[in-house]
Amino acid sequence: MVPKRTQKKLLQACRTCHKVLEADKTMCPECQGNALTTEWFGYLIIIDSHHSDVAKKMNLTYNGRYALKVR
C-alpha cells in the first residue's frame, strides 16, 4: 500500500511576537500586529508558559507555537 501524500501546511510567523500562524491569517491574535512573514526558522512549542524557563528567556506569556528566529 502506497501512503497518501499529504499537503504541507504553509505557516507564517509574526515579526513582533514570533507567534507561528497558519498562512490564511492576516493579523496576529496575540499582539494584534500585521507584520507576518514566511521567512522564519526554528520551532518552539510552549505548553506551560508560567513554569517554562525558555518562555521566560524569550519573554513569552502565552502558550502556543513560536518561531525562534524571524526575518
N, C-alpha and C. Protein backbone atom coordinates (compact mmCIF):
# COMPACT_ATOMS: atom_id res chain seq x y z
N MET A 1 0.84 -1.17 0.00
CA MET A 1 0.00 0.00 0.00
C MET A 1 0.89 1.25 0.00
N VAL A 2 0.63 2.17 -0.89
CA VAL A 2 1.39 3.41 -1.01
C VAL A 2 0.76 4.46 -0.12
N PRO A 3 1.58 5.11 0.73
CA PRO A 3 0.99 6.14 1.60
C PRO A 3 0.51 7.33 0.79
N LYS A 4 -0.58 7.88 1.24
CA LYS A 4 -1.18 9.05 0.59
C LYS A 4 -0.34 10.28 0.90
N ARG A 5 -0.06 11.07 -0.13
CA ARG A 5 0.71 12.30 0.07
C ARG A 5 -0.17 13.34 0.74
N THR A 6 0.36 13.93 1.76
CA THR A 6 -0.37 14.99 2.43
C THR A 6 0.22 16.33 2.02
N GLN A 7 -0.62 17.30 1.89
CA GLN A 7 -0.17 18.61 1.51
C GLN A 7 0.41 19.31 2.73
N LYS A 8 1.59 19.87 2.57
CA LYS A 8 2.27 20.54 3.67
C LYS A 8 1.60 21.88 3.95
N LYS A 9 1.33 22.14 5.24
CA LYS A 9 0.72 23.41 5.63
C LYS A 9 1.75 24.52 5.52
N LEU A 10 1.35 25.63 4.97
CA LEU A 10 2.21 26.79 4.91
C LEU A 10 1.97 27.60 6.17
N LEU A 11 3.03 27.84 6.90
CA LEU A 11 2.92 28.59 8.15
C LEU A 11 3.67 29.91 8.03
N GLN A 12 3.27 30.87 8.82
CA GLN A 12 3.95 32.16 8.86
C GLN A 12 4.13 32.56 10.31
N ALA A 13 5.04 33.48 10.56
CA ALA A 13 5.32 33.93 11.91
C ALA A 13 5.17 35.44 12.01
N CYS A 14 4.76 35.88 13.17
CA CYS A 14 4.63 37.30 13.44
C CYS A 14 6.02 37.87 13.73
N ARG A 15 6.36 38.97 13.08
CA ARG A 15 7.68 39.58 13.29
C ARG A 15 7.78 40.24 14.67
N THR A 16 6.67 40.58 15.27
CA THR A 16 6.68 41.27 16.56
C THR A 16 6.82 40.30 17.73
N CYS A 17 5.97 39.27 17.79
CA CYS A 17 5.96 38.38 18.95
C CYS A 17 6.43 36.96 18.64
N HIS A 18 6.73 36.64 17.37
CA HIS A 18 7.23 35.35 16.90
C HIS A 18 6.20 34.22 16.94
N LYS A 19 4.95 34.53 17.15
CA LYS A 19 3.89 33.51 17.15
C LYS A 19 3.76 32.90 15.76
N VAL A 20 3.66 31.56 15.67
CA VAL A 20 3.52 30.86 14.40
C VAL A 20 2.03 30.69 14.11
N LEU A 21 1.62 31.09 12.89
CA LEU A 21 0.21 31.07 12.50
C LEU A 21 0.05 30.38 11.16
N GLU A 22 -1.18 29.99 10.84
CA GLU A 22 -1.49 29.44 9.52
C GLU A 22 -1.39 30.56 8.50
N ALA A 23 -1.17 30.20 7.25
CA ALA A 23 -0.94 31.19 6.19
C ALA A 23 -2.18 32.02 5.86
N ASP A 24 -3.36 31.55 6.22
CA ASP A 24 -4.58 32.30 5.88
C ASP A 24 -4.86 33.45 6.85
N LYS A 25 -4.10 33.57 7.91
CA LYS A 25 -4.29 34.65 8.88
C LYS A 25 -3.67 35.94 8.36
N THR A 26 -4.29 37.06 8.65
CA THR A 26 -3.76 38.35 8.23
C THR A 26 -3.33 39.21 9.41
N MET A 27 -3.70 38.78 10.64
CA MET A 27 -3.35 39.52 11.84
C MET A 27 -3.01 38.54 12.96
N CYS A 28 -2.03 38.89 13.75
CA CYS A 28 -1.63 38.04 14.88
C CYS A 28 -2.64 38.20 16.01
N PRO A 29 -3.20 37.11 16.52
CA PRO A 29 -4.18 37.21 17.60
C PRO A 29 -3.56 37.58 18.95
N GLU A 30 -2.23 37.38 19.08
CA GLU A 30 -1.59 37.66 20.35
C GLU A 30 -1.22 39.13 20.54
N CYS A 31 -0.56 39.71 19.53
CA CYS A 31 -0.10 41.10 19.66
C CYS A 31 -0.88 42.07 18.77
N GLN A 32 -1.83 41.56 17.99
CA GLN A 32 -2.65 42.36 17.07
C GLN A 32 -1.84 43.01 15.95
N GLY A 33 -0.63 42.49 15.72
CA GLY A 33 0.21 43.04 14.65
C GLY A 33 -0.11 42.40 13.31
N ASN A 34 0.27 43.07 12.23
CA ASN A 34 0.03 42.52 10.90
C ASN A 34 1.33 42.32 10.12
N ALA A 35 2.48 42.36 10.81
CA ALA A 35 3.78 42.13 10.18
C ALA A 35 4.07 40.63 10.21
N LEU A 36 3.49 39.89 9.26
CA LEU A 36 3.65 38.44 9.21
C LEU A 36 4.59 38.07 8.06
N THR A 37 5.36 37.01 8.25
CA THR A 37 6.31 36.58 7.23
C THR A 37 6.40 35.06 7.19
N THR A 38 6.79 34.54 6.03
CA THR A 38 7.01 33.10 5.89
C THR A 38 8.49 32.77 6.06
N GLU A 39 9.33 33.77 6.30
CA GLU A 39 10.76 33.56 6.50
C GLU A 39 11.08 33.50 7.98
N TRP A 40 11.01 32.30 8.52
CA TRP A 40 11.31 32.08 9.93
C TRP A 40 11.98 30.72 10.10
N PHE A 41 12.71 30.55 11.20
CA PHE A 41 13.46 29.33 11.45
C PHE A 41 13.29 28.90 12.90
N GLY A 42 13.36 27.61 13.13
CA GLY A 42 13.25 27.07 14.48
C GLY A 42 11.81 27.03 14.94
N TYR A 43 11.47 26.02 15.69
CA TYR A 43 10.09 25.82 16.10
C TYR A 43 10.06 25.50 17.58
N LEU A 44 9.29 26.25 18.32
CA LEU A 44 9.22 26.09 19.77
C LEU A 44 7.75 26.00 20.17
N ILE A 45 7.43 24.99 20.95
CA ILE A 45 6.06 24.85 21.46
C ILE A 45 6.09 25.04 22.97
N ILE A 46 5.37 26.03 23.44
CA ILE A 46 5.28 26.32 24.87
C ILE A 46 3.97 25.75 25.38
N ILE A 47 4.07 24.85 26.34
CA ILE A 47 2.88 24.21 26.91
C ILE A 47 2.45 24.89 28.22
N ASP A 48 3.43 25.26 29.05
CA ASP A 48 3.13 25.92 30.32
C ASP A 48 4.05 27.13 30.47
N SER A 49 3.61 28.26 29.99
CA SER A 49 4.47 29.45 29.94
C SER A 49 4.83 29.99 31.33
N HIS A 50 4.02 29.72 32.32
CA HIS A 50 4.28 30.24 33.66
C HIS A 50 5.43 29.52 34.35
N HIS A 51 5.70 28.27 33.97
CA HIS A 51 6.76 27.49 34.60
C HIS A 51 7.91 27.17 33.65
N SER A 52 7.92 27.73 32.48
CA SER A 52 8.94 27.42 31.48
C SER A 52 10.08 28.44 31.54
N ASP A 53 11.31 27.94 31.70
CA ASP A 53 12.47 28.83 31.70
C ASP A 53 12.72 29.40 30.30
N VAL A 54 12.45 28.60 29.28
CA VAL A 54 12.62 29.07 27.90
C VAL A 54 11.64 30.20 27.60
N ALA A 55 10.40 30.05 28.03
CA ALA A 55 9.39 31.10 27.82
C ALA A 55 9.79 32.39 28.53
N LYS A 56 10.36 32.27 29.71
CA LYS A 56 10.80 33.46 30.44
C LYS A 56 11.96 34.14 29.72
N LYS A 57 12.90 33.35 29.18
CA LYS A 57 14.03 33.90 28.43
C LYS A 57 13.57 34.65 27.19
N MET A 58 12.53 34.13 26.52
CA MET A 58 12.02 34.75 25.30
C MET A 58 10.91 35.77 25.57
N ASN A 59 10.60 36.02 26.83
CA ASN A 59 9.53 36.95 27.23
C ASN A 59 8.17 36.55 26.67
N LEU A 60 7.85 35.26 26.73
CA LEU A 60 6.58 34.74 26.24
C LEU A 60 5.65 34.54 27.43
N THR A 61 4.43 35.05 27.32
CA THR A 61 3.48 34.92 28.42
C THR A 61 2.31 34.00 28.10
N TYR A 62 2.21 33.58 26.82
CA TYR A 62 1.11 32.72 26.41
C TYR A 62 1.63 31.39 25.89
N ASN A 63 0.83 30.36 26.04
CA ASN A 63 1.17 29.05 25.47
C ASN A 63 0.95 29.10 23.96
N GLY A 64 1.68 28.28 23.23
CA GLY A 64 1.48 28.23 21.79
C GLY A 64 2.73 27.87 21.03
N ARG A 65 2.67 28.07 19.71
CA ARG A 65 3.77 27.75 18.81
C ARG A 65 4.51 29.04 18.45
N TYR A 66 5.82 29.01 18.54
CA TYR A 66 6.63 30.20 18.30
C TYR A 66 7.82 29.86 17.42
N ALA A 67 8.27 30.86 16.66
CA ALA A 67 9.48 30.74 15.84
C ALA A 67 10.66 31.26 16.66
N LEU A 68 11.80 30.61 16.52
CA LEU A 68 12.98 31.06 17.25
C LEU A 68 13.63 32.26 16.58
N LYS A 69 13.65 32.27 15.24
CA LYS A 69 14.26 33.38 14.51
C LYS A 69 13.31 33.80 13.39
N VAL A 70 13.02 35.09 13.31
CA VAL A 70 12.11 35.62 12.29
C VAL A 70 12.84 36.70 11.51
N ARG A 71 12.74 36.64 10.18
CA ARG A 71 13.37 37.67 9.33
C ARG A 71 12.35 38.65 8.85
